Amino acid sequence: MDRIEYLAKIWKKYPAMPAGAIVAGRIYNLVREDGALELTLQRDSLTHKVKFDNAPEFSEFLDFGDIVAVLSEKELILLAPQTTSLPRRFYDKELFIKWNNYLDHVRGFFKFNNFVSLRTPGLVVCPGTEPALDVFATELKVGSRREKLYLPTSPELHLKKALALGADKIYEITPCFRNGEVTERHQPEFLMLEWYRAYDTLAAIKKDAIDLVTYLSKSLRVPGPRQVISYTVAELFKIYCGFNLTPQTSAAELKALAEKLNVDVRSAESIDDYFFLIFMDKIESQLPPEDLIFVEKYPPYQAALARLTEDGWGDRFEFYWKGLELANAFHELNDPSVQRLRSQEDLQKKAEMHKEAVPLDEEFFASLDAGMPPSGGIALGVERLFMCLYDVKSISELRLFPQG
């Protein structure tokens, strides 16, 4: 019987679990040597090693991911082959139990601190205007009505509408979608945690962030950060680049600095690009991974949806741990005219970068006109924080069916 005949026979009908099987599971590792066969089988969160001094009949056709049952020291049968339509991945039950427990504790933290969980739309008029982000678009069809809608890159705009409606301490854990990037740190679909405090400051949001990480590390019994350190962006440029960054620093000055530091900025087209490339190359990569590091007071062109401080810096922070940017926080801008101007600037940057144009959310601006209270808010990558707590190397490990 050749391989094709054999596979046709066993694929026609998968055998049932035989009575008296010694062990059954999915092949996690497979070693063939000098006529012997050693299998590592995974079942639930347990692994079993099985060795055959003489490889059983047809075992040369076994592959990673196949499900087998071992009947004796000489015999095994194939219960279900790994199909070619699915990636060769394994269900890590122990990891997903940790993931579920982690999500429960995150929600418990906010419940204990009297935040209200909200649910915002998964189809939106405006997915967000951040220039660097690529978006997913779709079309709503209701009778003769046709409307272009988007998957949200963040729930931010709708949560701010909720603040304008009278909400005060709110949070949401929700899927977000960003096109164009698949890496160890990025998936097109991921979970975002955002929370907001009306009539409160960025300092309160920072305390929340520190308290959340501390609470999770203790309650989940995993190592937390060595220490918490805060720097301004200007301090980091001084430490790692020997440069005095000010709110007035020009694109030409940053370009000259990049050339001095041998940073490749050939792809740069704007002052944002020069800043980002220098920060990534010379600063972010040097931050001590053991520490929870807050980076505060960004240049005004990096203010995004944050207010400006009296001395001209964007009143926002990001924080890092174990080499990952975990969150981005703002002393929220609530001036409708300034917000519209910045959004229009974002759209102009998108056009210059040849990215898809998106409409503005006029309901959001109406909410600002009606009065959004002074607030602090933050967006945190849920998978990334889990990766730091449990030393998971790739975000795809937290997805049974990742992209890419």
Protein backbone atom coordinates (compact mmCIF):
# COMPACT_ATOMS: atom_id res chain seq x y z
CA MET A 1 0.00 0.00 0.00
CA ASP A 2 1.53 3.35 -1.01
CA ARG A 3 1.15 6.61 0.89
CA ILE A 4 -1.75 7.93 -1.17
CA GLU A 5 -3.72 4.70 -0.71
CA TYR A 6 -2.97 4.72 3.01
CA LEU A 7 -4.04 8.32 3.52
CA ALA A 8 -7.18 7.78 1.45
CA LYS A 9 -8.09 4.85 3.67
CA ILE A 10 -7.57 6.55 7.03
CA TRP A 11 -9.03 9.90 5.99
CA LYS A 12 -12.22 8.27 4.73
CA LYS A 13 -13.34 7.69 8.30
CA TYR A 14 -11.53 8.68 11.46
CA PRO A 15 -11.46 5.80 13.95
CA ALA A 16 -13.13 6.26 17.31
CA MET A 17 -11.10 6.40 20.51
CA PRO A 18 -10.16 2.73 21.05
CA ALA A 19 -10.82 1.08 24.40
CA GLY A 20 -7.68 0.20 26.29
CA ALA A 21 -5.48 2.89 24.69
CA ILE A 22 -2.43 3.62 26.84
CA VAL A 23 -2.41 7.30 25.94
CA ALA A 24 -3.79 9.56 23.22
CA GLY A 25 -2.96 13.11 22.18
CA ARG A 26 -1.71 15.46 19.50
CA ILE A 27 1.86 15.07 18.27
CA TYR A 28 3.86 17.98 19.66
CA ASN A 29 7.30 16.61 18.79
CA LEU A 30 8.49 13.72 16.67
CA VAL A 31 11.97 12.16 16.47
CA ARG A 32 12.97 9.33 14.12
CA GLU A 33 16.38 7.74 14.63
CA ASP A 34 17.87 4.35 13.62
CA GLY A 35 14.48 2.76 13.10
CA ALA A 36 13.12 3.99 16.44
CA LEU A 37 10.34 6.52 16.95
CA GLU A 38 9.87 8.94 19.86
CA LEU A 39 6.68 10.98 20.15
CA THR A 40 5.77 13.80 22.50
CA LEU A 41 1.99 13.94 22.79
CA GLN A 42 0.00 16.85 24.20
CA ARG A 43 -3.37 16.38 25.83
CA ASP A 44 -5.00 19.23 27.77
CA SER A 45 -2.07 20.91 29.53
CA LEU A 46 -0.08 17.65 29.95
CA THR A 47 2.59 16.14 27.74
CA HIS A 48 3.46 12.46 27.39
CA LYS A 49 6.60 10.96 25.84
CA VAL A 50 6.24 7.61 24.08
CA LYS A 51 9.15 5.69 22.57
CA PHE A 52 8.98 2.77 20.13
CA ASP A 53 12.21 0.79 19.65
CA ASN A 54 10.86 -0.22 16.28
CA ALA A 55 8.67 2.35 14.56
CA PRO A 56 5.12 1.01 14.05
CA GLU A 57 3.70 0.33 10.59
CA PHE A 58 2.84 3.43 8.59
CA SER A 59 4.35 5.72 11.27
CA GLU A 60 6.55 7.20 8.55
CA PHE A 61 3.45 9.12 7.46
CA LEU A 62 2.89 10.77 10.86
CA ASP A 63 3.45 14.49 11.15
CA PHE A 64 3.32 17.29 13.74
CA GLY A 65 -0.26 17.98 14.78
CA ASP A 66 -1.66 14.53 14.01
CA ILE A 67 -3.84 13.01 16.76
CA VAL A 68 -2.85 9.46 17.65
CA ALA A 69 -3.65 6.75 20.20
CA VAL A 70 -0.95 4.42 21.50
CA LEU A 71 -2.30 0.87 21.90
CA SER A 72 0.85 -0.96 22.97
CA GLU A 73 4.64 -0.82 22.85
CA LYS A 74 4.40 -1.78 19.19
CA GLU A 75 1.15 -0.34 17.89
CA LEU A 76 -0.51 3.04 17.44
CA ILE A 77 -3.33 4.34 15.27
CA LEU A 78 -4.06 7.69 13.73
CA LEU A 79 -7.28 9.19 15.11
CA ALA A 80 -7.24 12.42 13.08
CA PRO A 81 -4.61 13.85 10.75
CA GLN A 82 -3.55 17.46 10.94
CA THR A 83 -5.44 19.10 8.08
CA THR A 84 -3.51 21.25 5.67
CA SER A 85 -6.13 24.01 5.93
CA LEU A 86 -5.19 24.85 9.54
CA PRO A 87 -1.89 26.21 10.86
CA ARG A 88 0.23 23.74 12.82
CA ARG A 89 -0.67 25.17 16.19
CA PHE A 90 -1.60 23.70 19.52
CA TYR A 91 -4.21 24.50 22.13
CA ASP A 92 -2.21 25.51 25.20
CA LYS A 93 -4.90 25.05 27.84
CA GLU A 94 -2.69 26.27 30.68
CA LEU A 95 -1.90 29.53 28.86
CA PHE A 96 -5.56 30.23 28.07
CA ILE A 97 -6.56 29.56 31.67
CA LYS A 98 -4.00 32.19 32.69
CA TRP A 99 -5.41 34.54 30.03
CA ASN A 100 -8.97 34.15 31.31
CA ASN A 101 -7.87 34.63 34.90
CA TYR A 102 -5.94 37.74 33.88
CA LEU A 103 -9.00 39.28 32.18
CA ASP A 104 -11.10 38.54 35.25
CA HIS A 105 -8.58 40.36 37.47
CA VAL A 106 -8.40 43.37 35.13
CA ARG A 107 -12.18 43.73 35.26
CA GLY A 108 -12.10 43.16 39.02
CA PHE A 109 -9.63 46.01 39.46
CA PHE A 110 -11.94 48.49 37.75
CA LYS A 111 -15.02 47.21 39.52
CA PHE A 112 -13.27 47.60 42.88
CA ASN A 113 -12.34 51.18 41.95
CA ASN A 114 -15.94 52.03 41.00
CA PHE A 115 -15.49 52.33 37.25
CA VAL A 116 -18.46 51.51 35.02
CA SER A 117 -17.90 49.20 32.06
CA LEU A 118 -19.33 50.48 28.74
CA ARG A 119 -19.75 48.94 25.32
CA THR A 120 -19.16 51.15 22.30
CA PRO A 121 -19.98 50.36 18.61
CA GLY A 122 -17.96 47.95 16.51
CA LEU A 123 -18.94 49.78 13.32
CA VAL A 124 -18.15 53.49 13.27
CA VAL A 125 -18.30 56.52 11.01
CA CYS A 126 -14.73 57.51 11.86
CA PRO A 127 -12.20 54.86 12.92
CA GLY A 128 -9.78 57.51 14.24
CA THR A 129 -7.61 60.00 12.41
CA GLU A 130 -4.12 59.02 13.60
CA PRO A 131 -1.99 59.47 10.46
CA ALA A 132 0.17 56.36 10.82
CA LEU A 133 -2.73 53.90 11.10
CA ASP A 134 -4.25 51.95 8.22
CA VAL A 135 -7.92 51.07 8.64
CA PHE A 136 -10.52 48.43 7.74
CA ALA A 137 -13.59 49.62 5.83
CA THR A 138 -16.95 48.00 5.13
CA GLU A 139 -20.40 49.04 3.85
CA LEU A 140 -23.71 49.09 5.67
CA LYS A 141 -26.64 48.07 3.46
CA VAL A 142 -30.21 48.65 4.67
CA GLY A 143 -32.70 48.63 1.79
CA SER A 144 -31.56 51.33 -0.62
CA ARG A 145 -29.37 52.95 2.03
CA ARG A 146 -25.61 52.61 1.58
CA GLU A 147 -23.12 53.91 4.15
CA LYS A 148 -19.39 53.39 4.39
CA LEU A 149 -18.37 52.40 7.90
CA TYR A 150 -15.15 51.32 9.57
CA LEU A 151 -13.87 48.98 12.23
CA PRO A 152 -12.59 51.11 15.13
CA THR A 153 -8.85 51.55 15.71
CA SER A 154 -9.84 52.65 19.24
CA PRO A 155 -13.07 53.21 21.21
CA GLU A 156 -11.81 56.68 22.17
CA LEU A 157 -14.28 58.90 20.33
CA HIS A 158 -17.35 57.11 21.64
CA LEU A 159 -16.05 56.95 25.20
CA LYS A 160 -15.50 60.72 25.07
CA LYS A 161 -19.06 61.13 23.80
CA ALA A 162 -20.10 59.23 26.92
CA LEU A 163 -18.17 61.72 29.06
CA ALA A 164 -20.09 64.55 27.38
CA LEU A 165 -23.33 62.73 28.23
CA GLY A 166 -22.45 62.76 31.91
CA ALA A 167 -20.36 59.62 32.51
CA ASP A 168 -17.48 60.09 34.93
CA LYS A 169 -15.38 56.97 35.68
CA ILE A 170 -15.67 54.59 32.72
CA TYR A 171 -13.70 51.84 31.03
CA GLU A 172 -14.00 49.39 28.17
CA ILE A 173 -12.16 46.27 27.00
CA THR A 174 -12.93 45.89 23.31
CA PRO A 175 -11.54 44.50 20.03
CA CYS A 176 -9.77 47.08 17.88
CA PHE A 177 -8.56 46.77 14.30
CA ARG A 178 -5.48 48.20 12.62
CA ASN A 179 -4.48 47.17 9.14
CA GLY A 180 -1.07 46.67 7.60
CA GLU A 181 1.14 45.25 10.34
CA VAL A 182 1.80 41.73 11.64
CA THR A 183 4.79 41.31 13.97
CA GLU A 184 5.59 39.73 17.33
CA ARG A 185 3.92 42.80 18.87
CA HIS A 186 1.13 43.44 16.38
CA GLN A 187 -1.96 41.66 15.13
CA PRO A 188 -4.62 43.33 12.93
CA GLU A 189 -7.18 42.53 15.65
CA PHE A 190 -6.35 43.00 19.32
CA LEU A 191 -7.93 43.98 22.63
CA MET A 192 -7.74 47.55 23.88
CA LEU A 193 -8.41 48.66 27.43
CA GLU A 194 -9.37 52.32 27.74
CA TRP A 195 -10.43 54.17 30.86
CA TYR A 196 -11.35 57.77 31.59
CA ARG A 197 -11.81 59.97 34.64
CA ALA A 198 -13.99 63.06 34.22
CA TYR A 199 -13.03 66.12 36.27
CA ASP A 200 -9.65 64.57 37.00
CA THR A 201 -6.03 64.87 35.92
CA LEU A 202 -3.37 62.91 34.14
CA ALA A 203 -1.74 62.26 37.52
CA ALA A 204 -4.80 60.22 38.56
CA ILE A 205 -4.56 58.14 35.37
CA LYS A 206 -0.86 57.53 36.03
CA LYS A 207 -1.66 56.32 39.55
CA ASP A 208 -4.34 54.01 38.12
CA ALA A 209 -1.78 52.53 35.71
CA ILE A 210 0.79 51.89 38.43
CA ASP A 211 -1.86 50.45 40.73
CA LEU A 212 -3.18 48.16 37.96
CA VAL A 213 0.24 46.68 37.15
CA THR A 214 1.05 46.29 40.86
CA TYR A 215 -2.31 44.66 41.59
CA LEU A 216 -2.03 42.23 38.68
CA SER A 217 1.52 41.15 39.49
CA LYS A 218 0.58 40.48 43.12
CA SER A 219 -2.80 38.84 42.57
CA LEU A 220 -1.55 36.68 39.69
CA ARG A 221 1.65 35.89 41.64
CA VAL A 222 4.06 36.85 38.91
CA PRO A 223 7.09 39.17 39.13
CA GLY A 224 6.29 42.84 38.73
CA PRO A 225 8.51 45.73 37.63
CA ARG A 226 11.74 46.36 39.53
CA GLN A 227 10.82 50.01 40.03
CA VAL A 228 8.76 52.85 38.55
CA ILE A 229 10.69 55.66 36.85
CA SER A 230 9.43 58.78 35.08
CA TYR A 231 11.23 60.86 32.46
CA THR A 232 10.21 63.73 30.26
CA VAL A 233 10.93 63.34 26.55
CA ALA A 234 13.41 66.21 26.83
CA GLU A 235 15.28 64.40 29.62
CA LEU A 236 15.56 61.26 27.51
CA PHE A 237 16.89 63.20 24.51
CA LYS A 238 19.48 64.73 26.79
CA ILE A 239 20.48 61.38 28.35
CA TYR A 240 20.64 59.24 25.22
CA CYS A 241 21.25 61.78 22.44
CA GLY A 242 23.07 64.63 24.19
CA PHE A 243 20.51 67.02 22.70
CA ASN A 244 18.43 69.84 24.22
CA LEU A 245 14.95 69.20 22.86
CA THR A 246 12.43 72.03 23.23
CA PRO A 247 8.86 72.58 22.02
CA GLN A 248 10.35 74.84 19.37
CA THR A 249 12.89 72.32 17.99
CA SER A 250 12.54 72.27 14.19
CA ALA A 251 12.51 69.45 11.66
CA ALA A 252 15.85 70.65 10.32
CA GLU A 253 17.40 70.42 13.78
CA LEU A 254 16.09 66.88 14.26
CA LYS A 255 17.35 65.88 10.82
CA ALA A 256 20.81 67.20 11.70
CA LEU A 257 20.69 65.30 15.00
CA ALA A 258 19.75 62.09 13.20
CA GLU A 259 22.69 62.48 10.82
CA LYS A 260 25.02 63.09 13.78
CA LEU A 261 23.72 59.94 15.52
CA ASN A 262 23.80 57.84 12.32
CA VAL A 263 20.05 57.25 12.40
CA ASP A 264 18.64 56.30 9.00
CA VAL A 265 15.99 58.93 8.23
CA ARG A 266 15.83 58.53 4.46
CA SER A 267 12.15 57.56 4.78
CA ALA A 268 11.32 60.67 6.85
CA GLU A 269 8.92 63.21 5.35
CA SER A 270 7.92 65.27 8.38
CA ILE A 271 9.06 66.41 11.81
CA ASP A 272 7.00 63.55 13.29
CA ASP A 273 9.03 61.07 11.26
CA TYR A 274 12.38 62.51 12.38
CA PHE A 275 11.25 62.45 16.01
CA PHE A 276 9.90 58.90 15.80
CA LEU A 277 12.95 57.42 14.07
CA ILE A 278 15.38 58.99 16.55
CA PHE A 279 13.24 57.99 19.53
CA MET A 280 12.92 54.38 18.31
CA ASP A 281 16.58 53.94 17.45
CA LYS A 282 18.36 55.78 20.25
CA ILE A 283 15.93 55.95 23.17
CA GLU A 284 13.14 53.35 23.24
CA SER A 285 15.56 50.49 22.58
CA GLN A 286 17.75 51.61 25.51
CA LEU A 287 15.08 51.80 28.22
CA PRO A 288 15.78 49.30 31.05
CA PRO A 289 13.34 46.41 30.47
CA GLU A 290 12.99 45.56 34.19
CA ASP A 291 11.53 48.97 35.06
CA LEU A 292 8.07 50.40 34.50
CA ILE A 293 9.02 53.61 32.70
CA PHE A 294 6.75 56.60 32.14
CA VAL A 295 7.68 58.97 29.32
CA GLU A 296 5.97 62.35 29.73
CA LYS A 297 5.61 65.75 28.06
CA TYR A 298 5.85 65.25 24.31
CA PRO A 299 6.63 67.91 21.68
CA PRO A 300 3.51 69.81 20.53
CA TYR A 301 3.43 68.07 17.11
CA GLN A 302 3.16 64.79 19.08
CA ALA A 303 0.34 66.06 21.31
CA ALA A 304 -2.34 64.14 19.35
CA LEU A 305 -5.55 64.45 21.42
CA ALA A 306 -3.84 65.98 24.47
CA ARG A 307 -3.85 69.53 25.77
CA LEU A 308 -0.66 71.57 25.79
CA THR A 309 1.00 72.48 29.06
CA GLU A 310 1.74 76.10 29.92
CA ASP A 311 5.33 75.64 28.75
CA GLY A 312 4.25 74.22 25.38
CA TRP A 313 4.56 70.44 25.76
CA GLY A 314 1.88 67.90 24.89
CA ASP A 315 0.36 66.86 28.24
CA ARG A 316 0.48 63.11 27.74
CA PHE A 317 2.52 60.05 28.67
CA GLU A 318 3.34 56.59 27.41
CA PHE A 319 4.63 53.80 29.57
CA TYR A 320 6.96 50.91 28.85
CA TRP A 321 7.87 47.61 30.43
CA LYS A 322 10.08 44.80 29.15
CA GLY A 323 10.73 46.61 25.89
CA LEU A 324 7.05 47.04 25.04
CA GLU A 325 5.09 50.26 24.74
CA LEU A 326 2.03 49.37 26.80
CA ALA A 327 -0.14 52.47 26.96
CA ASN A 328 -0.73 56.01 25.77
CA ALA A 329 -2.44 58.56 28.06
CA PHE A 330 -3.72 62.12 27.60
CA HIS A 331 -4.89 65.10 29.55
CA GLU A 332 -7.78 65.14 27.14
CA LEU A 333 -8.28 67.99 24.74
CA ASN A 334 -11.88 69.25 24.98
CA ASP A 335 -11.72 72.50 22.99
CA PRO A 336 -13.81 71.76 19.87
CA SER A 337 -12.09 74.28 17.60
CA VAL A 338 -8.56 73.09 18.50
CA GLN A 339 -9.68 69.46 18.23
CA ARG A 340 -11.12 70.02 14.75
CA LEU A 341 -7.93 71.78 13.64
CA ARG A 342 -5.78 68.87 14.85
CA SER A 343 -8.04 66.32 13.22
CA GLN A 344 -7.83 68.19 9.93
CA GLU A 345 -4.03 68.27 10.28
CA ASP A 346 -4.10 64.50 10.81
CA LEU A 347 -6.12 64.03 7.64
CA GLN A 348 -3.65 66.20 5.72
CA LYS A 349 -0.78 64.04 7.01
CA LYS A 350 -2.70 60.93 5.92
CA ALA A 351 -3.06 62.37 2.43
CA GLU A 352 0.67 63.15 2.29
CA MET A 353 1.40 59.55 3.33
CA HIS A 354 -0.99 58.27 0.60
CA LYS A 355 -3.23 56.57 3.18
CA GLU A 356 -6.98 56.15 2.87
CA ALA A 357 -8.94 59.27 3.73
CA VAL A 358 -11.51 58.93 6.50
CA PRO A 359 -14.39 61.25 7.43
CA LEU A 360 -14.59 63.09 10.72
CA ASP A 361 -17.17 62.08 13.31
CA GLU A 362 -19.40 65.16 13.49
CA GLU A 363 -21.32 63.70 16.43
CA PHE A 364 -18.05 63.71 18.37
CA PHE A 365 -17.53 67.41 17.63
CA ALA A 366 -21.13 68.13 18.60
CA SER A 367 -20.39 66.42 21.92
CA LEU A 368 -17.39 68.68 22.42
CA ASP A 369 -19.53 71.70 21.58
CA ALA A 370 -22.10 70.58 24.14
CA GLY A 371 -19.34 70.33 26.73
CA MET A 372 -16.99 67.47 27.51
CA PRO A 373 -15.60 67.88 31.05
CA PRO A 374 -11.87 68.16 31.69
CA SER A 375 -10.69 64.56 31.81
CA GLY A 376 -7.78 62.18 31.82
CA GLY A 377 -7.80 59.05 29.67
CA ILE A 378 -5.58 56.17 28.60
CA ALA A 379 -5.45 53.34 26.04
CA LEU A 380 -3.61 50.14 27.00
CA GLY A 381 -2.81 47.03 24.96
CA VAL A 382 -4.42 44.12 26.84
CA GLU A 383 -2.36 41.38 25.18
CA ARG A 384 0.86 43.33 25.61
CA LEU A 385 0.43 43.69 29.36
CA PHE A 386 -0.24 39.94 29.62
CA MET A 387 2.92 39.32 27.55
CA CYS A 388 4.93 41.33 30.07
CA LEU A 389 3.42 39.63 33.11
CA TYR A 390 3.95 36.09 31.78
CA ASP A 391 7.00 36.64 29.52
CA VAL A 392 5.13 35.67 26.35
CA LYS A 393 7.30 36.49 23.35
CA SER A 394 4.70 36.90 20.60
CA ILE A 395 1.14 38.25 20.60
CA SER A 396 0.17 35.45 18.17
CA GLU A 397 0.60 32.94 21.03
CA LEU A 398 -2.54 34.45 22.56
CA ARG A 399 -4.60 33.72 19.46
CA LEU A 400 -5.68 30.26 18.36
CA PHE A 401 -6.00 31.61 14.82
CA PRO A 402 -3.60 34.54 14.35
CA GLN A 403 -3.08 36.44 11.15
CA GLY A 404 0.22 36.24 9.32
